C-alpha atoms as a PDB file:
ATOM      1  CA  MET A   1       0.122  -0.063   0.010  1.00  0.00           C
ATOM      2  CA  LYS A   2       1.010   3.725  -0.427  1.00  0.00           C
ATOM      3  CA  THR A   3       1.030   6.180   2.173  1.00  0.00           C
ATOM      4  CA  TYR A   4      -1.686   8.739   1.735  1.00  0.00           C
ATOM      5  CA  LEU A   5      -0.375  12.359   1.725  1.00  0.00           C
ATOM      6  CA  PRO A   6      -2.824  15.101   2.053  1.00  0.00           C
ATOM      7  CA  LYS A   7      -2.104  18.401   0.047  1.00  0.00           C
ATOM      8  CA  ASP A   8      -1.305  21.375   2.464  1.00  0.00           C
ATOM      9  CA  ASN A   9      -4.621  23.162   1.785  1.00  0.00           C
ATOM     10  CA  LEU A  10      -4.640  26.083   4.495  1.00  0.00           C
ATOM     11  CA  GLU A  11      -8.319  26.830   3.303  1.00  0.00           C
ATOM     12  CA  SER A  12      -9.451  23.842   4.716  1.00  0.00           C
ATOM     13  CA  ARG A  13      -8.757  24.670   8.333  1.00  0.00           C
ATOM     14  CA  LYS A  14     -11.567  25.477  10.381  1.00  0.00           C
ATOM     15  CA  TRP A  15     -11.768  27.463  13.465  1.00  0.00           C
ATOM     16  CA  HIS A  16     -13.678  25.684  16.538  1.00  0.00           C
ATOM     17  CA  VAL A  17     -14.780  27.613  19.850  1.00  0.00           C
ATOM     18  CA  ILE A  18     -15.106  25.497  22.928  1.00  0.00           C
ATOM     19  CA  ASP A  19     -16.860  26.666  26.017  1.00  0.00           C
ATOM     20  CA  ALA A  20     -14.771  25.199  29.179  1.00  0.00           C
ATOM     21  CA  ASP A  21     -17.612  26.395  31.621  1.00  0.00           C
ATOM     22  CA  GLY A  22     -17.982  23.458  33.770  1.00  0.00           C
ATOM     23  CA  ALA A  23     -15.883  20.895  31.937  1.00  0.00           C
ATOM     24  CA  VAL A  24     -13.388  18.591  33.276  1.00  0.00           C
ATOM     25  CA  LEU A  25      -9.793  19.668  32.607  1.00  0.00           C
ATOM     26  CA  GLY A  26      -8.342  16.372  31.228  1.00  0.00           C
ATOM     27  CA  ARG A  27     -11.328  15.438  29.192  1.00  0.00           C
ATOM     28  CA  LEU A  28     -11.524  18.881  27.524  1.00  0.00           C
ATOM     29  CA  ALA A  29      -7.671  18.733  26.854  1.00  0.00           C
ATOM     30  CA  VAL A  30      -8.204  15.405  24.925  1.00  0.00           C
ATOM     31  CA  LYS A  31     -10.825  17.120  22.792  1.00  0.00           C
ATOM     32  CA  ILE A  32      -8.574  19.987  21.945  1.00  0.00           C
ATOM     33  CA  ALA A  33      -5.588  18.153  21.331  1.00  0.00           C
ATOM     34  CA  ALA A  34      -7.235  15.830  19.055  1.00  0.00           C
ATOM     35  CA  ALA A  35      -8.797  18.933  17.115  1.00  0.00           C
ATOM     36  CA  LEU A  36      -5.123  20.562  17.015  1.00  0.00           C
ATOM     37  CA  ARG A  37      -3.677  17.516  15.359  1.00  0.00           C
ATOM     38  CA  GLY A  38      -6.278  16.644  13.213  1.00  0.00           C
ATOM     39  CA  LYS A  39      -7.094  13.207  14.572  1.00  0.00           C
ATOM     40  CA  ASP A  40     -10.881  13.885  14.154  1.00  0.00           C
ATOM     41  CA  LYS A  41     -10.492  14.100  10.184  1.00  0.00           C
ATOM     42  CA  PRO A  42     -10.054  11.276   7.741  1.00  0.00           C
ATOM     43  CA  THR A  43      -6.760  13.012   6.263  1.00  0.00           C
ATOM     44  CA  PHE A  44      -4.931  12.628   9.634  1.00  0.00           C
ATOM     45  CA  THR A  45      -1.408  11.868   9.037  1.00  0.00           C
ATOM     46  CA  PRO A  46       0.899  11.754  12.069  1.00  0.00           C
ATOM     47  CA  HIS A  47       3.883  13.612  10.807  1.00  0.00           C
ATOM     48  CA  LEU A  48       2.083  16.741   9.037  1.00  0.00           C
ATOM     49  CA  ASP A  49      -0.080  19.477  10.580  1.00  0.00           C
ATOM     50  CA  VAL A  50      -3.600  18.960   9.259  1.00  0.00           C
ATOM     51  CA  GLY A  51      -5.460  19.743  12.314  1.00  0.00           C
ATOM     52  CA  ASP A  52      -7.799  23.128  13.025  1.00  0.00           C
ATOM     53  CA  PHE A  53      -7.498  25.927  15.162  1.00  0.00           C
ATOM     54  CA  VAL A  54      -9.258  25.931  18.439  1.00  0.00           C
ATOM     55  CA  VAL A  55     -10.351  28.820  20.588  1.00  0.00           C
ATOM     56  CA  VAL A  56     -11.180  28.197  24.087  1.00  0.00           C
ATOM     57  CA  ILE A  57     -13.244  30.565  26.369  1.00  0.00           C
ATOM     58  CA  ASN A  58     -14.075  30.667  30.029  1.00  0.00           C
ATOM     59  CA  ALA A  59     -10.996  29.013  30.994  1.00  0.00           C
ATOM     60  CA  GLU A  60     -11.213  30.351  34.532  1.00  0.00           C
ATOM     61  CA  LYS A  61     -14.276  27.876  34.953  1.00  0.00           C
ATOM     62  CA  VAL A  62     -12.823  24.925  34.063  1.00  0.00           C
ATOM     63  CA  ARG A  63     -13.289  21.956  36.645  1.00  0.00           C
ATOM     64  CA  LEU A  64     -11.168  19.521  38.387  1.00  0.00           C
ATOM     65  CA  THR A  65     -12.221  16.402  40.057  1.00  0.00           C
ATOM     66  CA  GLY A  66     -11.315  15.293  43.419  1.00  0.00           C
ATOM     67  CA  ASN A  67      -9.110  17.162  45.532  1.00  0.00           C
ATOM     68  CA  LYS A  68      -6.703  18.435  42.813  1.00  0.00           C
ATOM     69  CA  GLU A  69      -7.653  22.024  43.139  1.00  0.00           C
ATOM     70  CA  THR A  70      -5.376  22.032  46.628  1.00  0.00           C
ATOM     71  CA  ALA A  71      -3.369  19.033  46.067  1.00  0.00           C
ATOM     72  CA  LYS A  72      -2.027  19.091  42.308  1.00  0.00           C
ATOM     73  CA  GLU A  73       0.879  21.404  42.076  1.00  0.00           C
ATOM     74  CA  TYR A  74       2.731  23.012  38.986  1.00  0.00           C
ATOM     75  CA  MET A  75       6.353  23.388  39.138  1.00  0.00           C
ATOM     76  CA  SER A  76       8.603  25.784  37.476  1.00  0.00           C
ATOM     77  CA  TYR A  77      12.197  25.886  37.549  1.00  0.00           C
ATOM     78  CA  SER A  78      14.376  28.998  37.198  1.00  0.00           C
ATOM     79  CA  GLY A  79      17.769  27.174  36.246  1.00  0.00           C
ATOM     80  CA  TRP A  80      19.376  28.379  39.282  1.00  0.00           C
ATOM     81  CA  LYS A  81      20.168  26.332  42.502  1.00  0.00           C
ATOM     82  CA  GLY A  82      17.043  26.280  44.830  1.00  0.00           C
ATOM     83  CA  GLY A  83      15.101  27.882  41.986  1.00  0.00           C
ATOM     84  CA  GLU A  84      12.149  25.594  42.216  1.00  0.00           C
ATOM     85  CA  LYS A  85       8.649  27.258  42.591  1.00  0.00           C
ATOM     86  CA  TYR A  86       5.611  25.188  43.298  1.00  0.00           C
ATOM     87  CA  ARG A  87       2.187  26.533  42.627  1.00  0.00           C
ATOM     88  CA  SER A  88      -1.226  25.021  43.403  1.00  0.00           C
ATOM     89  CA  VAL A  89      -3.922  24.919  40.937  1.00  0.00           C
ATOM     90  CA  ALA A  90      -5.746  27.552  42.768  1.00  0.00           C
ATOM     91  CA  GLN A  91      -2.903  29.940  42.853  1.00  0.00           C
ATOM     92  CA  VAL A  92      -2.388  29.246  38.885  1.00  0.00           C
ATOM     93  CA  ARG A  93      -6.246  29.864  38.400  1.00  0.00           C
ATOM     94  CA  GLU A  94      -5.977  33.095  40.213  1.00  0.00           C
ATOM     95  CA  LYS A  95      -3.163  34.683  38.210  1.00  0.00           C
ATOM     96  CA  HIS A  96      -3.288  33.000  34.780  1.00  0.00           C
ATOM     97  CA  PRO A  97      -6.265  30.660  34.355  1.00  0.00           C
ATOM     98  CA  GLU A  98      -5.450  30.039  30.610  1.00  0.00           C
ATOM     99  CA  ARG A  99      -2.286  28.057  31.630  1.00  0.00           C
ATOM    100  CA  LEU A 100      -4.427  25.331  33.082  1.00  0.00           C
ATOM    101  CA  ILE A 101      -5.752  24.349  29.685  1.00  0.00           C
ATOM    102  CA  GLU A 102      -2.367  25.425  27.937  1.00  0.00           C
ATOM    103  CA  HIS A 103      -0.581  23.194  30.227  1.00  0.00           C
ATOM    104  CA  ALA A 104      -2.778  20.074  29.899  1.00  0.00           C
ATOM    105  CA  VAL A 105      -2.785  20.151  26.019  1.00  0.00           C
ATOM    106  CA  LYS A 106       0.672  20.721  25.804  1.00  0.00           C
ATOM    107  CA  GLY A 107       1.474  17.575  27.514  1.00  0.00           C
ATOM    108  CA  MET A 108      -1.084  15.589  24.987  1.00  0.00           C
ATOM    109  CA  ILE A 109       0.784  16.652  21.744  1.00  0.00           C
ATOM    110  CA  PRO A 110       4.092  15.318  20.450  1.00  0.00           C
ATOM    111  CA  LYS A 111       7.239  16.998  22.084  1.00  0.00           C
ATOM    112  CA  ASN A 112       8.968  18.188  18.791  1.00  0.00           C
ATOM    113  CA  ARG A 113       8.752  20.793  16.074  1.00  0.00           C
ATOM    114  CA  LEU A 114       5.448  19.559  15.114  1.00  0.00           C
ATOM    115  CA  GLY A 115       3.875  19.998  18.438  1.00  0.00           C
ATOM    116  CA  ARG A 116       5.308  23.579  19.033  1.00  0.00           C
ATOM    117  CA  GLN A 117       3.783  24.367  15.465  1.00  0.00           C
ATOM    118  CA  LEU A 118       0.246  22.807  16.702  1.00  0.00           C
ATOM    119  CA  LEU A 119       0.451  24.720  19.995  1.00  0.00           C
ATOM    120  CA  THR A 120       0.368  27.910  17.873  1.00  0.00           C
ATOM    121  CA  LYS A 121      -3.236  27.120  16.740  1.00  0.00           C
ATOM    122  CA  LEU A 122      -4.674  27.261  20.145  1.00  0.00           C
ATOM    123  CA  LYS A 123      -6.081  30.442  21.721  1.00  0.00           C
ATOM    124  CA  VAL A 124      -7.209  30.280  25.102  1.00  0.00           C
ATOM    125  CA  TYR A 125      -9.000  33.133  26.930  1.00  0.00           C
ATOM    126  CA  ALA A 126     -10.152  33.443  30.521  1.00  0.00           C
ATOM    127  CA  GLY A 127     -13.309  35.122  29.820  1.00  0.00           C
ATOM    128  CA  PRO A 128     -16.362  34.650  27.496  1.00  0.00           C
ATOM    129  CA  LYS A 129     -14.879  37.066  24.923  1.00  0.00           C
ATOM    130  CA  HIS A 130     -12.434  36.223  22.088  1.00  0.00           C
ATOM    131  CA  PRO A 131     -11.276  38.381  19.150  1.00  0.00           C
ATOM    132  CA  HIS A 132     -11.439  35.721  16.397  1.00  0.00           C
ATOM    133  CA  ALA A 133     -14.909  36.584  15.318  1.00  0.00           C
ATOM    134  CA  ALA A 134     -13.805  37.235  11.796  1.00  0.00           C
ATOM    135  CA  GLN A 135     -12.730  33.617  11.395  1.00  0.00           C
ATOM    136  CA  GLN A 136     -16.182  32.712  11.932  1.00  0.00           C
ATOM    137  CA  PRO A 137     -15.520  30.002  14.238  1.00  0.00           C
ATOM    138  CA  ALA A 138     -18.089  27.125  14.709  1.00  0.00           C
ATOM    139  CA  ALA A 139     -19.089  25.925  18.154  1.00  0.00           C
ATOM    140  CA  LYS A 140     -17.740  22.441  19.326  1.00  0.00           C
ATOM    141  CA  ALA A 141     -19.102  20.531  22.228  1.00  0.00           C
ATOM    142  CA  ALA A 142     -16.831  20.279  25.184  1.00  0.00           C
ATOM    143  CA  LYS A 143     -18.671  17.868  27.273  1.00  0.00           C
END
């Protein structure tokens, strides 16, 4: 068999709006990552970017199950000795609620050039408004 290679047709990329209000973080991130990679399309090719653009609104209202709101921690490292910082989900949600979704999706896409290219197609906003109305995004179910 021959491997099917789709043409790089940028006009075929769609824009999707996903409302994160009340959605569970991990389950939402799976759907976002699949749309970014193009796994929900019949033309999916693992080594090519055939996915769509995804706009996520209401990121501050995303839900975590169990006691992850207080127990789960995000670690950052400055590169200096003793430069580790740990922040709980509540602290991250207070300052940068978009990072919760961005971090979860980043863990679900390839860790290479393709993955970095895919992340540029993810737009996350804390509130219900977004500046991408000109692209005429279609609503996609989050639940």
